[in-house]
C-alpha atoms as a PDB file:
ATOM      1  CA  MET A   1      74.005 107.662 123.917  1.00  0.00           C
ATOM      2  CA  ASN A   2      73.504 103.626 122.638  1.00  0.00           C
ATOM      3  CA  MET A   3      70.439 105.151 120.752  1.00  0.00           C
ATOM      4  CA  HIS A   4      72.491 106.754 118.192  1.00  0.00           C
ATOM      5  CA  ARG A   5      74.850 104.243 117.825  1.00  0.00           C
ATOM      6  CA  PRO A   6      72.941 102.694 114.517  1.00  0.00           C
ATOM      7  CA  LEU A   7      73.387 105.667 113.450  1.00  0.00           C
ATOM      8  CA  LEU A   8      77.290 106.410 114.587  1.00  0.00           C
ATOM      9  CA  VAL A   9      77.747 102.762 112.833  1.00  0.00           C
ATOM     10  CA  ALA A  10      76.324 103.754 110.225  1.00  0.00           C
ATOM     11  CA  ALA A  11      77.528 106.695 108.683  1.00  0.00           C
ATOM     12  CA  LEU A  12      81.377 104.648 109.684  1.00  0.00           C
ATOM     13  CA  ALA A  13      80.075 101.856 107.524  1.00  0.00           C
ATOM     14  CA  ALA A  14      79.192 104.295 104.187  1.00  0.00           C
ATOM     15  CA  ALA A  15      81.845 106.252 104.997  1.00  0.00           C
ATOM     16  CA  ALA A  16      83.930 103.653 104.548  1.00  0.00           C
ATOM     17  CA  GLY A  17      83.018 102.694 100.705  1.00  0.00           C
ATOM     18  CA  LEU A  18      83.457 105.416  99.482  1.00  0.00           C
ATOM     19  CA  ALA A  19      87.356 106.661 101.444  1.00  0.00           C
ATOM     20  CA  PHE A  20      89.938 104.967  98.633  1.00  0.00           C
ATOM     21  CA  ALA A  21      88.813 107.142  95.162  1.00  0.00           C
ATOM     22  CA  PRO A  22      90.493 104.900  92.501  1.00  0.00           C
ATOM     23  CA  VAL A  23      94.152 102.733  93.486  1.00  0.00           C
ATOM     24  CA  THR A  24      95.731 104.776  91.150  1.00  0.00           C
ATOM     25  CA  SER A  25      94.232 108.240  92.088  1.00  0.00           C
ATOM     26  CA  SER A  26      96.724 110.414  94.067  1.00  0.00           C
ATOM     27  CA  ALA A  27      94.103 112.845  95.148  1.00  0.00           C
ATOM     28  CA  GLN A  28      94.579 112.089  99.244  1.00  0.00           C
ATOM     29  CA  THR A  29      92.694 115.113 100.276  1.00  0.00           C
ATOM     30  CA  ALA A  30      88.745 115.673  99.823  1.00  0.00           C
ATOM     31  CA  ALA A  31      88.374 119.487  97.823  1.00  0.00           C
ATOM     32  CA  ALA A  32      86.791 121.532 100.465  1.00  0.00           C
ATOM     33  CA  PRO A  33      82.670 122.530 100.130  1.00  0.00           C
ATOM     34  CA  ALA A  34      82.090 125.351  98.523  1.00  0.00           C
ATOM     35  CA  SER A  35      81.220 128.537  99.340  1.00  0.00           C
ATOM     36  CA  ASN A  36      77.412 128.071 100.409  1.00  0.00           C
ATOM     37  CA  PRO A  37      75.446 131.498  99.591  1.00  0.00           C
ATOM     38  CA  LEU A  38      73.177 129.886 102.050  1.00  0.00           C
ATOM     39  CA  GLY A  39      74.032 130.097 105.144  1.00  0.00           C
ATOM     40  CA  GLY A  40      71.667 130.484 107.806  1.00  0.00           C
ATOM     41  CA  ASN A  41      71.713 129.528 111.989  1.00  0.00           C
ATOM     42  CA  PRO A  42      72.508 126.855 112.768  1.00  0.00           C
ATOM     43  CA  VAL A  43      70.417 124.336 113.931  1.00  0.00           C
ATOM     44  CA  PRO A  44      70.261 122.441 117.505  1.00  0.00           C
ATOM     45  CA  GLY A  45      71.104 119.284 117.164  1.00  0.00           C
ATOM     46  CA  VAL A  46      71.841 118.618 113.731  1.00  0.00           C
ATOM     47  CA  CYS A  47      75.655 117.771 112.989  1.00  0.00           C
ATOM     48  CA  MET A  48      77.195 116.832 110.415  1.00  0.00           C
ATOM     49  CA  LEU A  49      80.341 114.618 109.452  1.00  0.00           C
ATOM     50  CA  SER A  50      82.299 114.966 106.156  1.00  0.00           C
ATOM     51  CA  ARG A  51      83.146 110.424 105.117  1.00  0.00           C
ATOM     52  CA  GLU A  52      85.531 111.880 102.387  1.00  0.00           C
ATOM     53  CA  ALA A  53      87.515 114.297 104.830  1.00  0.00           C
ATOM     54  CA  VAL A  54      87.700 112.530 107.454  1.00  0.00           C
ATOM     55  CA  PHE A  55      88.745 109.799 105.393  1.00  0.00           C
ATOM     56  CA  ALA A  56      90.969 111.192 102.984  1.00  0.00           C
ATOM     57  CA  GLU A  57      92.326 114.294 104.967  1.00  0.00           C
ATOM     58  CA  SER A  58      93.616 112.108 108.753  1.00  0.00           C
ATOM     59  CA  LYS A  59      96.962 110.451 108.542  1.00  0.00           C
ATOM     60  CA  VAL A  60      96.464 107.130 108.791  1.00  0.00           C
ATOM     61  CA  GLY A  61      93.842 107.075 105.857  1.00  0.00           C
ATOM     62  CA  GLN A  62      96.354 108.937 103.967  1.00  0.00           C
ATOM     63  CA  ALA A  63      99.065 106.200 104.502  1.00  0.00           C
ATOM     64  CA  ALA A  64      96.500 103.466 104.307  1.00  0.00           C
ATOM     65  CA  SER A  65      95.993 104.425 100.166  1.00  0.00           C
ATOM     66  CA  GLU A  66      99.236 105.088  99.667  1.00  0.00           C
ATOM     67  CA  ARG A  67     100.440 101.694 101.061  1.00  0.00           C
ATOM     68  CA  LEU A  68      97.555 100.338  99.331  1.00  0.00           C
ATOM     69  CA  LYS A  69      98.609 102.226  95.879  1.00  0.00           C
ATOM     70  CA  GLN A  70     102.140 100.587  97.217  1.00  0.00           C
ATOM     71  CA  LEU A  71     100.795  96.984  96.779  1.00  0.00           C
ATOM     72  CA  ALA A  72      98.797  97.457  94.023  1.00  0.00           C
ATOM     73  CA  THR A  73     101.673  99.163  91.781  1.00  0.00           C
ATOM     74  CA  GLN A  74     104.203  96.106  93.307  1.00  0.00           C
ATOM     75  CA  GLN A  75     101.257  93.612  91.890  1.00  0.00           C
ATOM     76  CA  GLN A  76     101.137  95.872  88.613  1.00  0.00           C
ATOM     77  CA  SER A  77     104.437  95.694  88.007  1.00  0.00           C
ATOM     78  CA  LEU A  78     104.648  90.920  87.826  1.00  0.00           C
ATOM     79  CA  LEU A  79     101.896  91.516  86.036  1.00  0.00           C
ATOM     80  CA  GLU A  80     103.338  93.655  83.306  1.00  0.00           C
ATOM     81  CA  ASN A  81     106.192  91.153  83.185  1.00  0.00           C
ATOM     82  CA  GLN A  82     104.327  88.561  82.877  1.00  0.00           C
ATOM     83  CA  ARG A  83     102.148  90.084  80.658  1.00  0.00           C
ATOM     84  CA  LYS A  84     105.504  91.253  77.150  1.00  0.00           C
ATOM     85  CA  PRO A  85     106.628  87.961  77.037  1.00  0.00           C
ATOM     86  CA  LEU A  86     102.738  87.105  75.582  1.00  0.00           C
ATOM     87  CA  ASP A  87     103.053  90.510  73.252  1.00  0.00           C
ATOM     88  CA  ALA A  88     105.847  89.635  72.148  1.00  0.00           C
ATOM     89  CA  GLU A  89     104.448  85.744  71.105  1.00  0.00           C
ATOM     90  CA  ILE A  90     101.383  86.869  69.797  1.00  0.00           C
ATOM     91  CA  GLN A  91     103.052  89.927  67.418  1.00  0.00           C
ATOM     92  CA  ALA A  92     104.817  87.074  66.518  1.00  0.00           C
ATOM     93  CA  PHE A  93     102.127  85.049  65.615  1.00  0.00           C
ATOM     94  CA  GLN A  94     100.608  86.764  63.571  1.00  0.00           C
ATOM     95  CA  GLN A  95     103.332  87.886  61.745  1.00  0.00           C
ATOM     96  CA  LYS A  96     103.664  83.759  60.456  1.00  0.00           C
ATOM     97  CA  SER A  97     100.717  83.572  60.306  1.00  0.00           C
ATOM     98  CA  SER A  98      99.792  83.125  56.425  1.00  0.00           C
ATOM     99  CA  THR A  99     102.682  81.192  56.186  1.00  0.00           C
ATOM    100  CA  LEU A 100     101.754  78.598  58.103  1.00  0.00           C
ATOM    101  CA  THR A 101      98.406  75.958  57.239  1.00  0.00           C
ATOM    102  CA  GLU A 102      95.283  76.209  59.038  1.00  0.00           C
ATOM    103  CA  ALA A 103      95.847  73.421  61.338  1.00  0.00           C
ATOM    104  CA  GLN A 104      98.929  75.196  63.446  1.00  0.00           C
ATOM    105  CA  ARG A 105      97.287  78.247  62.365  1.00  0.00           C
ATOM    106  CA  GLN A 106      94.525  76.780  64.959  1.00  0.00           C
ATOM    107  CA  GLN A 107      95.780  75.127  67.155  1.00  0.00           C
ATOM    108  CA  GLN A 108      98.640  78.483  68.005  1.00  0.00           C
ATOM    109  CA  GLY A 109      95.746  80.968  67.994  1.00  0.00           C
ATOM    110  CA  GLN A 110      93.930  78.192  70.065  1.00  0.00           C
ATOM    111  CA  ALA A 111      96.890  78.250  72.632  1.00  0.00           C
ATOM    112  CA  LEU A 112      97.226  81.635  72.626  1.00  0.00           C
ATOM    113  CA  GLN A 113      94.398  82.946  73.607  1.00  0.00           C
ATOM    114  CA  GLN A 114      94.077  80.471  76.109  1.00  0.00           C
ATOM    115  CA  ARG A 115      97.481  82.279  77.633  1.00  0.00           C
ATOM    116  CA  MET A 116      95.384  85.612  76.859  1.00  0.00           C
ATOM    117  CA  GLN A 117      92.325  84.295  78.867  1.00  0.00           C
ATOM    118  CA  THR A 118      94.111  83.170  81.978  1.00  0.00           C
ATOM    119  CA  PHE A 119      96.318  86.158  82.406  1.00  0.00           C
ATOM    120  CA  GLN A 120      93.552  88.517  82.184  1.00  0.00           C
ATOM    121  CA  GLY A 121      92.441  86.489  84.612  1.00  0.00           C
ATOM    122  CA  GLN A 122      95.547  86.995  87.266  1.00  0.00           C
ATOM    123  CA  VAL A 123      94.384  90.824  86.171  1.00  0.00           C
ATOM    124  CA  ASN A 124      91.429  90.465  87.408  1.00  0.00           C
ATOM    125  CA  GLU A 125      92.096  88.366  90.932  1.00  0.00           C
ATOM    126  CA  LEU A 126      94.051  91.051  91.638  1.00  0.00           C
ATOM    127  CA  ASP A 127      91.611  93.600  91.375  1.00  0.00           C
ATOM    128  CA  GLN A 128      89.743  92.078  93.231  1.00  0.00           C
ATOM    129  CA  ARG A 129      91.785  91.235  95.935  1.00  0.00           C
ATOM    130  CA  ILE A 130      92.948  95.268  96.427  1.00  0.00           C
ATOM    131  CA  GLN A 131      88.713  95.710  96.318  1.00  0.00           C
ATOM    132  CA  LEU A 132      88.783  93.345  99.608  1.00  0.00           C
ATOM    133  CA  THR A 133      91.781  94.920 101.305  1.00  0.00           C
ATOM    134  CA  ARG A 134      90.650  98.528 100.376  1.00  0.00           C
ATOM    135  CA  GLY A 135      87.066  97.505 102.728  1.00  0.00           C
ATOM    136  CA  LYS A 136      89.174  95.238 105.493  1.00  0.00           C
ATOM    137  CA  VAL A 137      90.962  98.679 106.314  1.00  0.00           C
ATOM    138  CA  MET A 138      88.611 100.989 106.343  1.00  0.00           C
ATOM    139  CA  GLN A 139      86.500  98.454 108.304  1.00  0.00           C
ATOM    140  CA  GLN A 140      89.591  99.122 110.397  1.00  0.00           C
ATOM    141  CA  ILE A 141      89.813 102.781 110.040  1.00  0.00           C
ATOM    142  CA  GLY A 142      85.933 102.898 111.147  1.00  0.00           C
ATOM    143  CA  GLN A 143      86.650 100.791 114.090  1.00  0.00           C
ATOM    144  CA  GLN A 144      89.270 103.038 115.409  1.00  0.00           C
ATOM    145  CA  ALA A 145      87.312 106.341 114.111  1.00  0.00           C
ATOM    146  CA  GLN A 146      83.916 105.163 116.478  1.00  0.00           C
ATOM    147  CA  SER A 147      84.847 106.101 119.448  1.00  0.00           C
ATOM    148  CA  ILE A 148      85.631 109.632 118.409  1.00  0.00           C
ATOM    149  CA  VAL A 149      82.418 109.901 117.209  1.00  0.00           C
ATOM    150  CA  GLU A 150      80.771 109.152 119.805  1.00  0.00           C
ATOM    151  CA  SER A 151      82.142 111.904 121.652  1.00  0.00           C
ATOM    152  CA  SER A 152      82.432 114.233 119.548  1.00  0.00           C
ATOM    153  CA  TYR A 153      79.048 113.458 118.327  1.00  0.00           C
ATOM    154  CA  ASN A 154      78.050 114.189 122.311  1.00  0.00           C
ATOM    155  CA  SER A 155      79.931 116.806 122.995  1.00  0.00           C
ATOM    156  CA  HIS A 156      78.121 118.985 120.157  1.00  0.00           C
ATOM    157  CA  HIS A 157      75.111 118.151 121.760  1.00  0.00           C
ATOM    158  CA  CYS A 158      73.757 115.945 118.546  1.00  0.00           C
ATOM    159  CA  GLY A 159      70.465 115.218 117.845  1.00  0.00           C
ATOM    160  CA  LEU A 160      71.280 113.912 113.901  1.00  0.00           C
ATOM    161  CA  LEU A 161      74.093 112.959 111.766  1.00  0.00           C
ATOM    162  CA  LEU A 162      74.070 114.332 108.175  1.00  0.00           C
ATOM    163  CA  ASN A 163      76.553 113.316 105.957  1.00  0.00           C
ATOM    164  CA  ARG A 164      77.662 116.745 105.414  1.00  0.00           C
ATOM    165  CA  ASP A 165      79.202 115.784 101.584  1.00  0.00           C
ATOM    166  CA  ALA A 166      75.094 115.441  99.929  1.00  0.00           C
ATOM    167  CA  VAL A 167      73.789 118.594 102.391  1.00  0.00           C
ATOM    168  CA  LEU A 168      73.003 121.042  99.526  1.00  0.00           C
ATOM    169  CA  GLY A 169      73.115 124.717 101.436  1.00  0.00           C
ATOM    170  CA  GLY A 170      73.193 125.867 104.887  1.00  0.00           C
ATOM    171  CA  ASN A 171      74.372 126.590 108.202  1.00  0.00           C
ATOM    172  CA  THR A 172      77.691 123.935 108.605  1.00  0.00           C
ATOM    173  CA  THR A 173      78.630 125.415 112.105  1.00  0.00           C
ATOM    174  CA  ASN A 174      78.067 121.988 114.119  1.00  0.00           C
ATOM    175  CA  ASP A 175      80.590 120.265 111.600  1.00  0.00           C
ATOM    176  CA  LEU A 176      82.392 116.835 112.830  1.00  0.00           C
ATOM    177  CA  SER A 177      84.633 115.913 110.183  1.00  0.00           C
ATOM    178  CA  ASN A 178      87.456 117.900 111.790  1.00  0.00           C
ATOM    179  CA  ASP A 179      87.299 117.053 115.050  1.00  0.00           C
ATOM    180  CA  VAL A 180      86.683 113.333 113.530  1.00  0.00           C
ATOM    181  CA  VAL A 181      90.311 113.738 111.831  1.00  0.00           C
ATOM    182  CA  ARG A 182      92.049 115.718 115.182  1.00  0.00           C
ATOM    183  CA  GLY A 183      91.052 112.103 116.917  1.00  0.00           C
ATOM    184  CA  LEU A 184      91.950 109.993 114.488  1.00  0.00           C
ATOM    185  CA  ASP A 185      95.780 111.396 114.497  1.00  0.00           C
ATOM    186  CA  ALA A 186      96.711 111.719 117.659  1.00  0.00           C
ATOM    187  CA  LYS A 187      95.170 108.149 117.785  1.00  0.00           C
ATOM    188  CA  ILE A 188      96.851 106.336 114.925  1.00  0.00           C
ATOM    189  CA  THR A 189      98.715 107.336 112.098  1.00  0.00           C
ATOM    190  CA  THR A 190     100.314 104.430 110.018  1.00  0.00           C
ATOM    191  CA  LEU A 191      98.386 100.416 109.141  1.00  0.00           C
ATOM    192  CA  ASN A 192     100.035  98.002 108.200  1.00  0.00           C
ATOM    193  CA  PHE A 193      98.556  95.415 106.060  1.00  0.00           C
ATOM    194  CA  ASN A 194      99.113  93.299 103.031  1.00  0.00           C
ATOM    195  CA  LEU A 195      96.880  93.071  99.664  1.00  0.00           C
ATOM    196  CA  GLU A 196      93.945  90.358 101.254  1.00  0.00           C
ATOM    197  CA  PRO A 197      94.235  86.994  99.535  1.00  0.00           C
ATOM    198  CA  MET A 198      90.998  85.519  97.393  1.00  0.00           C
ATOM    199  CA  PRO A 199      89.190  83.711  99.640  1.00  0.00           C
ATOM    200  CA  SER A 200      88.939  80.205  99.459  1.00  0.00           C
ATOM    201  CA  GLY A 201      87.159  78.404  96.693  1.00  0.00           C
ATOM    202  CA  THR A 202      86.181  81.647  94.836  1.00  0.00           C
ATOM    203  CA  ALA A 203      86.418  80.816  90.818  1.00  0.00           C
ATOM    204  CA  LYS A 204      89.132  81.825  88.835  1.00  0.00           C
END
């Protein structure tokens, strides 16, 4: 069992990076695999695991995706409230620009540009915090799934675990995805988390 552990850990780690598609996406269920005309006989010892299916179809994955979207939406709303008055000031500056002296235009224009850059920095920071949070959450789900993957791997007498999403064709009898989803659903259904802060010392 220990000989297979690095392979399984690598599979779960790779899955963590794919699980949550864009935050604003409402897709939380993996697309069903396309009909496979190749078929063929099962290959003894060769098993498959769909990364996207496990994390998108499990209850904890869906709950975490919803939570992450909720947190992102809240922060985006706060930023939007800051953006509206700034847009109004920019519009007012453009309308009165012709009545200002060159020095006034430069002074006020530079001040508005600085505020816009500061705002864009906040937008970029939010994106980074969302990515950091996603990574941490998916690592937690991967840790919860690790023992389930190992158990299913051994019960199916696997000798090799492949990413089902990258398989072009063949017999998928030994697909562990449903087992892992069911195991996760029985083990955990939700995670409580907030957006991760920016690492200390990160340049803004």
